[in-house]
Every structure is written in C-alpha cells, then in structure tokens.
Amino acid sequence: MSFAASVLTLYPEMFPGALGLSLAGRALEAGTWSLEAIQIRDFATDRHRTVDDTPAGGGAGMVMRADVLAKAIDHASPPGDPRPRLLMSPRGKPLMQARVRELAAGPGAVILCGRFEGVDQRLIEARGLEEVSIGDFILSGGEPAALVLLDAVVRLLPGVMGNAVSGEEESFENGLLEHPHYTRPQEFEGRQIPEVLISGNHKKIAQWRRAEAEKLTRERRPDLLAAAHPLAK
C-alpha cells in the first residue's frame, strides 16, 4: 500500500509544487505515494464560501471556523481511516526525524494547513488533530510547512532514495549533525581533502566522521548532545 497524503488547504494550487520534481516527483509518478489537495472552501455553506470569522473575545485577525473544517476533514478522513490527522501550526510539537520516520512507516497523513490567526480550538479537540511545527518562526500559512513535512517523509519511503544507507547517515539520524563531505578535485583553491578520507582505512574514516559530527554538533546544536546525554556536565 502506498503512502497517501490528503492536504486540506485554501490554496490547492500550491501542491504538489516542489514535490512534483526530483525524487518526490518521480515517486509520485510511480505511485509510491499519492497526493490529494482539497479546497477547504468547497465545504462552506454560504454563497461567499466563508471559512473564517472574528475571534471570540475580540482581537486582531480572523479564525478558521470549526464547522467548515470539520466537514472538510470528515470528507478527507472518514471513520476507519488509520492516517494521523496533522495541523501545521507554530505552536505545535517540533517535527523531529524520529516522527518523520514514524509517518513514513505508516499509511499516510491528513494535513490541515492553517491560515489567518489560527483554527478554532474545538475543531482541534473534536477531530484529534496533532499540531506540528517545523520551527520557531511564523509563515503566512501552513502550506509551506506541509510541503516541508511531506518532502521529509516521502524521501524515506522504500525505493525513493537510490541508496537506502544515505538516509541512515544523515543529520539527526543518530542524534548528531552530519559530518562534512568532500569529493573531487583533490585540491580546491588551496584546500585539500583531509588525508584520512583518501587513506582507504575505513575504520579511521569512520572514527574521523564520528569525531567531526560530534564537533559540529557541539558547536552548532549543543541541545542535541544535552538531549542525548542529560546527565553530562
């Protein structure tokens, strides 16, 4: 069974976007995964196809209506659908590689792309939405975040990457950032490829890569080391 993604959005024309190219695009054409972009406005009941209203209690902006979104979600994910329901939201739990792997191992996902000030909390609770964030910053909508999430997931589907080992040696897979990479030419603007990498000694190469990964992680993402070793001083 292929990975099936259903995206609920006010801008279905944004999909597949970059997901229609390169590895993800070829996998989409091959049927390794499928993508359905659903227009939320199709489930509005008034002639203006209204999907939002003013926030209860006052305040700036508009809030996406629970009744309209519920109809859209129920259409995309009827009873018995095993796929998780995700809401792309800056207040969500940060997306980590471990969660990406869990999603890639599953049947797919139903992804709601928020807009305006957010989504009525009652909808989130009533439909069991898992709020997901791709970083501590604000986008104009959840569509770019959904594209990022799907790209991260699709590349891990069986057969998408030419070399499965590539996915096992990347940043975050072992709790560290990835080590530096080099290729020909041997010399570039006076800079040489590290000798150990052309030594043919695979044990020393592995040790060098591990040490460099730890060094980069310590310099750039000490939080990853702290998470892996909470008692370390």
Protein backbone atom coordinates (compact mmCIF):
# COMPACT_ATOMS: atom_id res chain seq x y z
CA MET A 1 0.00 0.00 0.00
CA SER A 2 1.38 3.39 -0.98
CA PHE A 3 1.67 6.41 1.31
CA ALA A 4 -1.45 8.58 0.81
CA ALA A 5 -1.38 12.27 1.70
CA SER A 6 -4.52 14.41 1.82
CA VAL A 7 -3.87 18.14 2.27
CA LEU A 8 -6.68 20.48 3.31
CA THR A 9 -5.88 23.99 2.10
CA LEU A 10 -7.24 27.28 0.81
CA TYR A 11 -4.60 27.14 -1.93
CA PRO A 12 -4.63 23.69 -3.55
CA GLU A 13 -2.70 25.11 -6.50
CA MET A 14 0.37 25.19 -4.24
CA PHE A 15 0.53 21.38 -4.48
CA PRO A 16 2.43 19.34 -5.49
CA GLY A 17 4.80 22.28 -6.07
CA ALA A 18 8.36 21.16 -5.44
CA LEU A 19 7.03 17.72 -4.53
CA GLY A 20 6.32 17.16 -8.21
CA LEU A 21 10.05 17.29 -9.01
CA SER A 22 13.18 15.24 -8.31
CA LEU A 23 12.90 12.18 -6.04
CA ALA A 24 9.46 13.01 -4.69
CA GLY A 25 8.12 13.77 -8.16
CA ARG A 26 9.38 10.53 -9.65
CA ALA A 27 7.93 8.60 -6.71
CA LEU A 28 4.61 10.39 -7.18
CA GLU A 29 4.52 9.41 -10.86
CA ALA A 30 5.46 5.84 -9.98
CA GLY A 31 2.63 5.57 -7.46
CA THR A 32 4.92 5.12 -4.46
CA TRP A 33 2.84 7.81 -2.81
CA SER A 34 -0.25 9.84 -3.67
CA LEU A 35 -1.26 13.43 -3.02
CA GLU A 36 -4.76 14.90 -2.84
CA ALA A 37 -5.12 18.67 -2.36
CA ILE A 38 -8.60 19.52 -1.07
CA GLN A 39 -10.09 23.02 -1.25
CA ILE A 40 -11.49 23.90 2.19
CA ARG A 41 -13.87 26.50 0.70
CA ASP A 42 -15.77 23.70 -1.02
CA PHE A 43 -17.24 22.85 2.39
CA ALA A 44 -18.50 26.33 3.26
CA THR A 45 -22.28 26.75 3.20
CA ASP A 46 -22.79 30.41 2.27
CA ARG A 47 -22.57 31.92 -1.20
CA HIS A 48 -19.32 33.70 -0.33
CA ARG A 49 -17.72 30.39 0.71
CA THR A 50 -16.68 31.86 4.05
CA VAL A 51 -14.23 29.79 6.08
CA ASP A 52 -13.36 32.21 8.89
CA ASP A 53 -14.89 34.60 11.42
CA THR A 54 -13.88 37.12 14.08
CA PRO A 55 -12.22 35.72 17.22
CA ALA A 56 -14.39 35.20 20.30
CA GLY A 57 -13.34 37.68 22.96
CA GLY A 58 -12.12 40.17 20.39
CA GLY A 59 -8.70 40.75 18.93
CA ALA A 60 -6.97 41.12 15.60
CA GLY A 61 -7.36 38.83 12.61
CA MET A 62 -9.76 36.02 11.85
CA VAL A 63 -10.11 32.42 13.00
CA MET A 64 -10.88 29.41 10.79
CA ARG A 65 -14.33 28.02 11.57
CA ALA A 66 -14.75 24.64 13.24
CA ASP A 67 -17.90 23.67 11.34
CA VAL A 68 -16.40 24.22 7.89
CA LEU A 69 -13.12 22.48 8.75
CA ALA A 70 -14.96 19.54 10.33
CA LYS A 71 -16.80 18.88 7.06
CA ALA A 72 -13.54 19.03 5.12
CA ILE A 73 -11.75 16.67 7.49
CA ASP A 74 -14.66 14.22 7.58
CA HIS A 75 -14.64 14.16 3.78
CA ALA A 76 -10.88 13.51 3.59
CA SER A 77 -10.73 11.16 6.56
CA PRO A 78 -13.96 9.17 7.08
CA PRO A 79 -14.42 6.76 10.01
CA GLY A 80 -11.89 3.94 9.91
CA ASP A 81 -9.19 5.97 8.17
CA PRO A 82 -5.98 4.97 10.00
CA ARG A 83 -3.98 8.01 8.90
CA PRO A 84 -2.95 10.55 11.54
CA ARG A 85 -4.54 13.99 11.30
CA LEU A 86 -1.96 16.75 11.42
CA LEU A 87 -2.32 20.51 11.79
CA MET A 88 0.65 22.58 10.70
CA SER A 89 0.98 25.14 13.48
CA PRO A 90 3.81 27.25 15.00
CA ARG A 91 2.61 26.23 18.45
CA GLY A 92 2.83 22.53 17.61
CA LYS A 93 5.38 19.98 18.73
CA PRO A 94 8.62 20.42 16.76
CA LEU A 95 8.93 17.99 13.85
CA MET A 96 11.82 15.62 14.51
CA GLN A 97 13.40 12.95 12.35
CA ALA A 98 12.01 10.22 14.60
CA ARG A 99 8.45 11.42 13.91
CA VAL A 100 9.23 11.68 10.21
CA ARG A 101 10.29 8.03 10.20
CA GLU A 102 7.11 7.03 12.03
CA LEU A 103 4.99 8.80 9.44
CA ALA A 104 6.95 7.25 6.56
CA ALA A 105 6.27 3.80 8.01
CA GLY A 106 2.53 4.46 8.12
CA PRO A 107 -0.31 4.60 5.58
CA GLY A 108 -0.14 8.34 5.02
CA ALA A 109 -1.41 11.54 6.64
CA VAL A 110 -4.25 14.04 6.54
CA ILE A 111 -2.72 17.51 6.82
CA LEU A 112 -4.65 20.67 7.63
CA CYS A 113 -2.97 23.92 6.58
CA GLY A 114 -3.97 26.73 8.90
CA ARG A 115 -4.37 30.35 7.83
CA PHE A 116 -5.21 33.69 9.46
CA GLU A 117 -4.84 33.76 13.27
CA GLY A 118 -5.39 30.04 13.63
CA VAL A 119 -8.00 27.29 13.94
CA ASP A 120 -10.93 27.06 16.34
CA GLN A 121 -9.68 25.01 19.31
CA ARG A 122 -12.88 22.98 19.38
CA LEU A 123 -12.08 21.58 15.95
CA ILE A 124 -8.59 20.56 17.07
CA GLU A 125 -10.04 18.69 20.04
CA ALA A 126 -13.08 17.21 18.27
CA ARG A 127 -11.08 15.78 15.36
CA GLY A 128 -7.98 14.78 17.33
CA LEU A 129 -5.52 16.91 15.39
CA GLU A 130 -1.80 16.58 16.12
CA GLU A 131 -0.24 20.03 15.95
CA VAL A 132 3.14 20.02 14.22
CA SER A 133 5.70 22.83 13.89
CA ILE A 134 8.69 22.99 11.55
CA GLY A 135 10.42 25.74 13.54
CA ASP A 136 10.17 28.75 15.80
CA PHE A 137 9.02 31.21 13.16
CA ILE A 138 5.76 32.31 11.57
CA LEU A 139 4.67 31.61 7.99
CA SER A 140 1.74 33.17 6.18
CA GLY A 141 0.07 29.77 6.11
CA GLY A 142 0.57 26.07 6.75
CA GLU A 143 1.13 25.15 3.10
CA PRO A 144 4.94 25.66 3.01
CA ALA A 145 5.21 23.71 6.26
CA ALA A 146 3.14 20.86 4.81
CA LEU A 147 5.44 20.74 1.78
CA VAL A 148 8.46 20.51 4.07
CA LEU A 149 6.90 17.73 6.14
CA LEU A 150 5.92 15.70 3.08
CA ASP A 151 9.34 16.11 1.47
CA ALA A 152 10.99 14.81 4.64
CA VAL A 153 8.63 11.82 4.75
CA VAL A 154 8.49 10.87 1.07
CA ARG A 155 12.26 10.61 0.66
CA LEU A 156 12.24 7.86 3.32
CA LEU A 157 9.64 5.72 1.56
CA PRO A 158 11.03 2.42 0.25
CA GLY A 159 12.67 2.80 -3.14
CA VAL A 160 12.60 6.62 -3.26
CA MET A 161 16.27 7.12 -2.44
CA GLY A 162 18.67 5.21 -4.66
CA ASN A 163 20.89 4.28 -1.72
CA ALA A 164 18.98 3.48 1.47
CA VAL A 165 22.17 3.88 3.52
CA SER A 166 22.14 7.58 2.62
CA GLY A 167 19.14 8.07 4.88
CA GLU A 168 20.84 6.35 7.79
CA GLU A 169 23.93 8.56 7.88
CA GLU A 170 22.28 11.98 7.76
CA SER A 171 21.90 14.67 10.38
CA PHE A 172 19.63 13.75 13.31
CA GLU A 173 19.50 10.03 12.47
CA ASN A 174 21.99 9.22 15.25
CA GLY A 175 21.43 12.28 17.42
CA LEU A 176 24.24 14.25 15.75
CA LEU A 177 24.64 16.65 12.88
CA GLU A 178 26.17 15.11 9.79
CA HIS A 179 29.92 15.12 9.23
CA PRO A 180 31.49 17.26 6.43
CA HIS A 181 31.59 15.89 2.88
CA TYR A 182 34.28 16.11 0.18
CA THR A 183 34.72 14.98 -3.41
CA ARG A 184 36.98 15.66 -6.41
CA PRO A 185 39.01 17.66 -7.24
CA GLN A 186 41.67 16.73 -4.68
CA GLU A 187 42.61 20.39 -4.29
CA PHE A 188 40.24 23.36 -4.47
CA GLU A 189 41.62 26.90 -4.13
CA GLY A 190 44.45 25.63 -1.99
CA ARG A 191 42.22 23.49 0.20
CA GLN A 192 42.90 19.74 0.30
CA ILE A 193 40.62 16.81 1.02
CA PRO A 194 41.53 15.52 4.52
CA GLU A 195 44.15 12.81 4.12
CA VAL A 196 42.23 10.29 6.20
CA LEU A 197 39.41 10.25 3.65
CA ILE A 198 41.69 9.05 0.87
CA SER A 199 43.67 6.66 3.07
CA GLY A 200 41.50 3.63 2.37
CA ASN A 201 41.41 2.87 6.11
CA HIS A 202 37.68 2.51 6.70
CA LYS A 203 38.00 2.24 10.46
CA LYS A 204 39.90 5.54 10.68
CA ILE A 205 37.48 7.16 8.24
CA ALA A 206 34.53 6.15 10.44
CA GLN A 207 36.31 7.48 13.53
CA TRP A 208 37.08 10.78 11.76
CA ARG A 209 33.49 11.20 10.62
CA ARG A 210 32.16 10.50 14.09
CA ALA A 211 34.56 12.98 15.67
CA GLU A 212 33.68 15.67 13.13
CA ALA A 213 29.96 15.07 13.65
CA GLU A 214 30.37 15.43 17.40
CA LYS A 215 32.44 18.60 16.94
CA LEU A 216 29.85 20.22 14.66
CA THR A 217 27.00 19.23 16.95
CA ARG A 218 28.81 20.64 19.98
CA GLU A 219 29.42 23.93 18.17
CA ARG A 220 26.05 24.38 16.44
CA ARG A 221 23.45 22.28 18.27
CA PRO A 222 24.59 21.60 21.86
CA ASP A 223 20.92 20.97 22.67
CA LEU A 224 21.11 17.70 20.73
CA LEU A 225 24.01 16.49 22.86
CA ALA A 226 22.23 17.59 26.01
CA ALA A 227 19.15 15.61 24.99
CA ALA A 228 21.22 12.50 24.27
CA HIS A 229 23.25 12.81 27.48
CA PRO A 230 21.04 14.68 30.02
CA LEU A 231 23.40 13.97 32.94
CA ALA A 232 26.56 15.08 31.14
CA LYS A 233 28.29 18.16 32.52
